[in-house]
Amino acid sequence: MKKKPRAGKASVDKATTELFRMSRKKALGRAEAERRPFEERKILSVVTGGSGRLGRYLVKALLERGEQVRVLQHAGRKADFPEGVEAVQGDLLDRASLESAVDGADYVYHLAAIVDPGAPYDRLLDVNYHGTRNLLEACRSRAYHMQRFVFISSISVYGKDLAEIPADEETAENPTDNYGRSKLLAEQAVGQYAEKVPYVILRPGVIYAPGFDEAYLPVLKALEHGKMRIVGSGDNSIPFIHASDVVRAMLLASRAEKAVGDKYVIAPAERKTQKQVFEIACRCLGVRPPGAHISAWLAKLNLKFARLAGAISGSRPKITEEYIDILASNRVFRTDKAKEDLGFEPKVALEDGIREMVDYYRSKGGA
């Protein structure tokens, strides 16, 4: 004989069931919110190196797209960012700070690096290689909405003497300086996270734009005052690419499905020789282009003497051996892959970009 249920138990069970149903509905609602496509909420893009020359162009472009922007700001350094940018203090060698920086990120653009080929190799490895590994590990554990990790490498991984001309993504890497070696190691570290972090690697050419003062303003000054010489024959091609075009390539690579797990050369479609570059710059400056030539090795020797003299007078030359190598090297690249997979083509013609640089040079006090 079955026992009769106690009075009120049915009503208690009903209330409990309803409470459980409501609780489950809330939980499902939260889960659905987590699964909601990232396009329906404010996209969070994290930028390392956001206060750098290229980083400032990227941060501006991301803000213009209406994205939430967070930058990793090196502890102890001050930088002014546009309104709406969230700055998180940290260091590429501090995993905990990196986890805070990438927490909940949709996109991570890794630009931060030591770009000085003359820096100690251990320091280059620490920041450019180990720092990249630390950031990838932080993304793996804390970037819950990760859509793409965009790593900015460099054509320096090919070295100054290309294995083939024109070179492309399949050309053998052969870095000729420690910066290029550290970048190639960093690329390999990125590739090791293929199953954990959806990445894309970009290898930009020689970047220029207003704000890149150290590399270009001394050359413009030397050209204007008739003190610049053509390094070597001057018939070598230099792959100059405007910063705004590099930024556009980054944004395209962050969304292109075919780009995941791949690498791309970001270089100009037009080929200009060193002599042609000087001629354009001098035309914009209103002066005659240089006619005298000097070999790369003699230019570097003169630079050493200038440094010795500068150590006494307190006026050190601003042109470096790296700039001489860039001017003297013949580097040509195919960009078919970036065009096909990313839809990327440079928009800034070199002549327009050089004119912009000359205007900037004038604004900075160029005579």
Protein backbone atom coordinates (compact mmCIF):
# COMPACT_ATOMS: atom_id res chain seq x y z
CA MET A 1 0.00 0.00 0.00
CA LYS A 2 1.51 3.27 -1.16
CA LYS A 3 1.96 6.08 1.27
CA LYS A 4 0.06 9.23 0.61
CA PRO A 5 2.21 12.26 0.03
CA ARG A 6 2.42 14.59 2.95
CA ALA A 7 0.36 17.70 2.80
CA GLY A 8 2.09 20.55 0.95
CA LYS A 9 4.84 18.46 -0.64
CA ALA A 10 3.44 18.88 -4.14
CA SER A 11 3.45 22.65 -3.75
CA VAL A 12 7.00 22.55 -2.35
CA ASP A 13 8.20 20.40 -5.29
CA LYS A 14 6.56 22.80 -7.74
CA ALA A 15 8.23 25.80 -6.14
CA THR A 16 11.60 24.04 -6.14
CA THR A 17 11.22 23.08 -9.79
CA GLU A 18 10.32 26.65 -10.73
CA LEU A 19 13.31 28.00 -8.79
CA PHE A 20 15.61 25.54 -10.55
CA ARG A 21 14.11 26.45 -13.93
CA MET A 22 14.65 30.16 -13.35
CA SER A 23 18.19 29.56 -12.13
CA ARG A 24 18.99 27.44 -15.18
CA LYS A 25 17.47 30.08 -17.46
CA LYS A 26 19.79 32.71 -16.00
CA ALA A 27 22.77 30.40 -16.37
CA LEU A 28 21.87 29.64 -19.99
CA GLY A 29 21.45 33.35 -20.58
CA ARG A 30 24.95 34.03 -19.32
CA ALA A 31 26.33 31.20 -21.45
CA GLU A 32 24.50 32.54 -24.49
CA ALA A 33 25.97 35.97 -23.86
CA GLU A 34 29.41 34.40 -23.82
CA ARG A 35 28.68 32.60 -27.10
CA ARG A 36 27.23 35.71 -28.72
CA PRO A 37 29.21 36.65 -31.86
CA PHE A 38 31.90 39.18 -31.01
CA GLU A 39 30.54 41.54 -33.69
CA GLU A 40 27.49 42.18 -31.47
CA ARG A 41 29.57 43.62 -28.64
CA LYS A 42 32.38 46.12 -28.36
CA ILE A 43 35.47 44.54 -29.91
CA LEU A 44 38.52 44.66 -27.67
CA SER A 45 41.84 45.08 -29.47
CA VAL A 46 45.06 44.96 -27.47
CA VAL A 47 48.20 46.61 -28.84
CA THR A 48 51.73 46.12 -27.60
CA GLY A 49 54.06 48.91 -28.68
CA GLY A 50 51.09 51.27 -28.90
CA SER A 51 53.22 54.27 -28.00
CA GLY A 52 55.76 53.51 -30.72
CA ARG A 53 55.97 55.06 -34.15
CA LEU A 54 53.93 52.41 -35.96
CA GLY A 55 51.79 51.69 -32.89
CA ARG A 56 50.39 55.23 -32.81
CA TYR A 57 49.10 54.84 -36.35
CA LEU A 58 47.46 51.51 -35.46
CA VAL A 59 45.83 52.81 -32.26
CA LYS A 60 44.33 55.73 -34.19
CA ALA A 61 42.96 53.40 -36.88
CA LEU A 62 41.39 51.05 -34.33
CA LEU A 63 39.68 53.93 -32.54
CA GLU A 64 38.31 55.17 -35.85
CA ARG A 65 36.78 51.72 -36.37
CA GLY A 66 34.92 52.10 -33.09
CA GLU A 67 36.84 49.39 -31.27
CA GLN A 68 37.77 49.32 -27.62
CA VAL A 69 41.54 49.76 -27.49
CA ARG A 70 43.85 48.66 -24.72
CA VAL A 71 47.60 49.22 -24.89
CA LEU A 72 50.42 47.61 -22.98
CA GLN A 73 52.38 50.52 -21.52
CA HIS A 74 55.89 49.75 -20.32
CA ALA A 75 56.07 50.20 -16.57
CA GLY A 76 57.86 53.39 -15.63
CA ARG A 77 57.40 55.04 -19.03
CA LYS A 78 54.89 57.78 -19.70
CA ALA A 79 53.03 58.12 -22.96
CA ASP A 80 50.06 60.20 -24.07
CA PHE A 81 47.33 58.19 -25.73
CA PRO A 82 44.16 59.44 -27.45
CA GLU A 83 40.99 59.69 -25.42
CA GLY A 84 39.28 56.34 -24.97
CA VAL A 85 42.46 54.27 -24.89
CA GLU A 86 42.93 52.06 -21.84
CA ALA A 87 46.59 51.82 -20.80
CA VAL A 88 47.71 48.82 -18.77
CA GLN A 89 51.17 48.96 -17.28
CA GLY A 90 53.28 45.90 -17.86
CA ASP A 91 56.33 44.34 -19.41
CA LEU A 92 56.87 41.60 -21.99
CA LEU A 93 59.04 39.81 -19.45
CA ASP A 94 56.31 39.89 -16.77
CA ARG A 95 53.71 37.18 -17.50
CA ALA A 96 51.25 38.38 -14.84
CA SER A 97 51.08 41.87 -16.35
CA LEU A 98 50.57 40.40 -19.82
CA GLU A 99 47.65 38.29 -18.61
CA SER A 100 45.97 41.42 -17.29
CA ALA A 101 46.61 43.21 -20.58
CA VAL A 102 45.08 40.53 -22.84
CA ASP A 103 42.23 39.52 -20.52
CA GLY A 104 39.13 39.12 -22.71
CA ALA A 105 40.84 40.38 -25.89
CA ASP A 106 39.40 39.65 -29.32
CA TYR A 107 42.49 40.75 -31.23
CA VAL A 108 46.09 41.18 -30.12
CA TYR A 109 48.49 43.18 -32.27
CA HIS A 110 52.07 42.51 -31.17
CA LEU A 111 54.30 45.39 -32.31
CA ALA A 112 56.53 45.90 -29.26
CA ALA A 113 60.17 45.02 -29.90
CA ILE A 114 63.71 46.29 -29.70
CA VAL A 115 64.49 47.32 -33.28
CA ASP A 116 68.11 48.39 -32.80
CA PRO A 117 70.41 45.92 -34.61
CA GLY A 118 73.26 47.22 -32.46
CA ALA A 119 71.59 46.27 -29.18
CA PRO A 120 73.13 43.40 -27.17
CA TYR A 121 71.93 40.07 -28.53
CA ASP A 122 70.83 38.86 -25.10
CA ARG A 123 68.59 41.92 -24.76
CA LEU A 124 67.14 41.38 -28.25
CA LEU A 125 66.38 37.74 -27.38
CA ASP A 126 64.81 38.66 -24.04
CA VAL A 127 62.35 41.16 -25.50
CA ASN A 128 61.80 40.05 -29.09
CA TYR A 129 61.82 36.28 -28.56
CA HIS A 130 61.08 35.46 -24.91
CA GLY A 131 58.70 38.43 -24.66
CA THR A 132 56.72 37.12 -27.62
CA ARG A 133 56.50 33.65 -26.04
CA ASN A 134 55.27 35.20 -22.79
CA LEU A 135 52.59 37.13 -24.64
CA LEU A 136 51.43 34.03 -26.53
CA GLU A 137 51.18 32.09 -23.28
CA ALA A 138 49.16 34.92 -21.74
CA CYS A 139 46.83 34.90 -24.75
CA ARG A 140 46.39 31.15 -24.49
CA SER A 141 45.29 31.38 -20.87
CA ARG A 142 43.40 34.70 -20.66
CA ALA A 143 42.30 35.92 -24.11
CA TYR A 144 38.94 34.11 -23.94
CA HIS A 145 37.51 35.70 -27.09
CA MET A 146 40.71 35.50 -29.14
CA GLN A 147 40.05 35.83 -32.87
CA ARG A 148 43.53 36.67 -34.14
CA PHE A 149 47.08 37.27 -32.94
CA VAL A 150 48.76 39.60 -35.44
CA PHE A 151 52.54 39.50 -35.13
CA ILE A 152 54.62 42.21 -36.77
CA SER A 153 57.91 40.76 -37.92
CA SER A 154 60.22 42.30 -40.54
CA ILE A 155 61.87 41.68 -43.90
CA SER A 156 65.05 41.64 -41.78
CA VAL A 157 64.49 37.87 -41.47
CA TYR A 158 65.65 37.63 -45.11
CA GLY A 159 68.83 39.60 -44.44
CA LYS A 160 70.27 42.41 -46.55
CA ASP A 161 71.43 39.99 -49.29
CA LEU A 162 68.30 38.19 -50.48
CA ALA A 163 68.54 34.53 -51.48
CA GLU A 164 66.54 35.39 -54.62
CA ILE A 165 65.15 38.49 -56.33
CA PRO A 166 62.31 39.10 -56.22
CA ALA A 167 61.82 37.36 -52.88
CA ASP A 168 58.53 36.21 -51.38
CA GLU A 169 57.16 34.23 -48.44
CA GLU A 170 58.82 31.03 -49.70
CA THR A 171 62.30 32.56 -50.00
CA ALA A 172 64.83 31.14 -47.54
CA GLU A 173 65.36 33.31 -44.47
CA ASN A 174 68.94 34.41 -43.88
CA PRO A 175 69.10 37.22 -41.29
CA THR A 176 72.35 39.17 -41.40
CA ASP A 177 72.02 40.99 -38.08
CA ASN A 178 70.93 40.13 -34.55
CA TYR A 179 67.65 42.01 -34.87
CA GLY A 180 66.66 39.85 -37.84
CA ARG A 181 67.73 36.71 -35.99
CA SER A 182 65.63 37.62 -32.96
CA LYS A 183 62.62 38.30 -35.17
CA LEU A 184 62.97 34.98 -36.96
CA LEU A 185 63.11 33.15 -33.62
CA ALA A 186 60.00 35.06 -32.53
CA GLU A 187 58.20 33.96 -35.71
CA GLN A 188 59.08 30.36 -34.91
CA ALA A 189 57.70 30.81 -31.40
CA VAL A 190 54.42 32.12 -32.85
CA GLY A 191 54.21 29.10 -35.14
CA GLN A 192 54.53 26.73 -32.18
CA TYR A 193 51.22 28.08 -30.82
CA ALA A 194 49.29 27.30 -34.00
CA GLU A 195 46.85 24.95 -32.26
CA LYS A 196 46.29 27.31 -29.33
CA VAL A 197 46.32 30.83 -30.78
CA PRO A 198 45.02 31.77 -34.26
CA TYR A 199 47.87 33.87 -35.61
CA VAL A 200 49.11 35.68 -38.70
CA ILE A 201 52.64 36.99 -39.29
CA LEU A 202 53.37 40.14 -41.30
CA ARG A 203 56.81 41.07 -42.64
CA PRO A 204 56.75 44.77 -43.53
CA GLY A 205 59.35 46.44 -45.71
CA VAL A 206 61.21 49.64 -44.74
CA ILE A 207 58.52 51.64 -42.93
CA TYR A 208 58.38 55.42 -43.21
CA ALA A 209 55.91 58.17 -42.27
CA PRO A 210 55.80 61.36 -40.20
CA GLY A 211 56.96 60.41 -36.72
CA PHE A 212 59.80 58.19 -37.93
CA ASP A 213 62.25 60.98 -37.23
CA GLU A 214 65.49 59.15 -36.45
CA ALA A 215 65.80 57.36 -39.76
CA TYR A 216 64.66 60.03 -42.20
CA LEU A 217 65.06 63.59 -40.94
CA PRO A 218 68.90 63.38 -40.84
CA VAL A 219 68.90 62.11 -44.46
CA LEU A 220 66.57 64.91 -45.59
CA LYS A 221 68.79 67.44 -43.85
CA ALA A 222 71.89 66.03 -45.54
CA LEU A 223 70.15 66.11 -48.92
CA GLU A 224 69.01 69.69 -48.44
CA HIS A 225 72.49 70.88 -47.49
CA GLY A 226 74.23 68.98 -50.30
CA LYS A 227 76.05 66.63 -47.93
CA MET A 228 74.41 63.37 -48.97
CA ARG A 229 76.12 60.94 -51.32
CA ILE A 230 74.72 58.03 -53.27
CA VAL A 231 75.77 54.82 -51.52
CA GLY A 232 77.15 52.40 -54.08
CA SER A 233 75.81 52.63 -57.63
CA GLY A 234 72.40 53.86 -56.50
CA ASP A 235 70.64 51.41 -58.80
CA ASN A 236 69.47 49.19 -55.95
CA SER A 237 65.77 49.01 -55.03
CA ILE A 238 64.61 49.99 -51.53
CA PRO A 239 61.21 48.59 -50.41
CA PHE A 240 59.76 51.66 -48.68
CA ILE A 241 56.22 51.18 -47.33
CA HIS A 242 54.11 53.88 -45.64
CA ALA A 243 53.04 53.25 -42.04
CA SER A 244 49.37 53.74 -42.94
CA ASP A 245 49.63 50.94 -45.51
CA VAL A 246 51.21 48.63 -42.93
CA VAL A 247 48.34 49.40 -40.55
CA ARG A 248 45.81 48.63 -43.27
CA ALA A 249 47.55 45.32 -43.88
CA MET A 250 47.28 44.53 -40.16
CA LEU A 251 43.56 45.23 -40.10
CA LEU A 252 42.96 43.13 -43.22
CA ALA A 253 45.05 40.28 -41.83
CA SER A 254 43.12 40.34 -38.56
CA ARG A 255 39.89 39.47 -40.39
CA ALA A 256 40.94 37.42 -43.43
CA GLU A 257 40.08 33.75 -42.85
CA LYS A 258 42.74 32.53 -45.28
CA ALA A 259 45.41 34.36 -43.28
CA VAL A 260 45.22 32.18 -40.17
CA GLY A 261 48.52 30.39 -39.56
CA ASP A 262 50.28 32.08 -42.47
CA LYS A 263 52.87 34.81 -43.12
CA TYR A 264 52.88 37.70 -45.57
CA VAL A 265 55.38 40.16 -47.01
CA ILE A 266 54.02 43.70 -46.88
CA ALA A 267 56.02 45.67 -49.42
CA PRO A 268 55.44 48.23 -52.19
CA ALA A 269 54.28 47.20 -55.62
CA GLU A 270 56.31 49.99 -57.26
CA ARG A 271 60.06 49.63 -57.43
CA LYS A 272 62.19 52.71 -56.84
CA THR A 273 65.97 52.81 -56.83
CA GLN A 274 68.06 54.71 -54.31
CA LYS A 275 68.83 57.36 -56.94
CA GLN A 276 65.13 57.76 -57.79
CA VAL A 277 64.25 58.13 -54.10
CA PHE A 278 66.88 60.87 -53.69
CA GLU A 279 65.67 62.61 -56.85
CA ILE A 280 62.07 62.68 -55.59
CA ALA A 281 63.14 63.96 -52.16
CA CYS A 282 65.35 66.68 -53.65
CA ARG A 283 62.60 67.75 -56.02
CA CYS A 284 60.31 68.19 -53.01
CA LEU A 285 63.07 70.00 -51.13
CA GLY A 286 63.81 72.27 -54.06
CA VAL A 287 67.49 71.32 -54.30
CA ARG A 288 69.71 69.43 -56.74
CA PRO A 289 69.99 65.66 -56.18
CA PRO A 290 73.38 64.25 -55.17
CA GLY A 291 75.75 63.22 -57.93
CA ALA A 292 78.72 61.94 -55.93
CA HIS A 293 78.97 58.29 -54.94
CA ILE A 294 80.54 56.53 -51.97
CA SER A 295 80.95 52.83 -51.23
CA ALA A 296 79.08 51.37 -48.26
CA TRP A 297 82.27 50.33 -46.48
CA LEU A 298 83.81 53.80 -46.88
CA ALA A 299 80.60 55.44 -45.69
CA LYS A 300 80.74 53.27 -42.55
CA LEU A 301 84.42 54.11 -42.04
CA ASN A 302 83.63 57.83 -42.30
CA LEU A 303 80.85 57.29 -39.80
CA LYS A 304 83.29 55.80 -37.30
CA PHE A 305 85.58 58.81 -37.65
CA ALA A 306 82.59 61.12 -37.26
CA ARG A 307 81.65 59.32 -34.06
CA LEU A 308 85.17 59.76 -32.68
CA ALA A 309 85.08 63.44 -33.49
CA GLY A 310 81.58 63.68 -32.05
CA ALA A 311 82.71 62.14 -28.78
CA ILE A 312 85.08 65.11 -28.41
CA SER A 313 82.79 67.86 -29.69
CA GLY A 314 79.56 66.46 -28.23
CA SER A 315 77.87 66.36 -31.64
CA ARG A 316 77.32 62.75 -32.62
CA PRO A 317 76.14 61.75 -36.13
CA LYS A 318 72.52 60.61 -36.32
CA ILE A 319 72.92 58.37 -39.36
CA THR A 320 73.84 54.79 -38.39
CA GLU A 321 75.42 51.78 -40.10
CA GLU A 322 71.94 50.27 -40.33
CA TYR A 323 70.69 53.23 -42.41
CA ILE A 324 73.69 52.89 -44.71
CA ASP A 325 72.92 49.17 -45.19
CA ILE A 326 69.27 49.96 -45.94
CA LEU A 327 70.28 52.53 -48.55
CA ALA A 328 72.86 50.22 -50.16
CA SER A 329 70.93 46.92 -50.20
CA ASN A 330 69.00 45.71 -53.22
CA ARG A 331 65.74 44.19 -51.98
CA VAL A 332 62.74 43.47 -54.17
CA PHE A 333 59.67 41.49 -53.09
CA ARG A 334 56.63 39.90 -54.70
CA THR A 335 53.38 40.77 -52.92
CA ASP A 336 50.94 38.55 -54.82
CA LYS A 337 50.08 36.48 -51.76
CA ALA A 338 49.06 39.50 -49.64
CA LYS A 339 46.95 40.78 -52.53
CA GLU A 340 45.21 37.43 -53.06
CA ASP A 341 44.63 36.38 -49.44
CA LEU A 342 44.25 39.74 -47.69
CA GLY A 343 43.07 41.99 -50.50
CA PHE A 344 46.04 44.22 -49.72
CA GLU A 345 47.60 46.73 -52.09
CA PRO A 346 49.57 49.80 -50.97
CA LYS A 347 47.63 53.04 -51.39
CA VAL A 348 50.34 55.62 -50.69
CA ALA A 349 52.53 56.24 -53.73
CA LEU A 350 56.17 56.80 -52.77
CA GLU A 351 56.28 60.28 -54.29
CA ASP A 352 53.24 61.34 -52.25
CA GLY A 353 54.74 59.80 -49.13
CA ILE A 354 58.09 61.55 -49.62
CA ARG A 355 56.33 64.88 -50.16
CA GLU A 356 54.51 64.29 -46.88
CA MET A 357 57.82 63.53 -45.18
CA VAL A 358 59.38 66.75 -46.52
CA ASP A 359 56.41 68.77 -45.23
CA TYR A 360 56.85 67.08 -41.87
CA TYR A 361 60.58 67.82 -41.96
CA ARG A 362 59.77 71.50 -42.54
CA SER A 363 57.32 71.49 -39.65
CA LYS A 364 60.05 70.13 -37.39
CA GLY A 365 62.34 73.03 -38.20
CA GLY A 366 64.10 71.84 -41.34
CA ALA A 367 65.92 74.78 -42.93
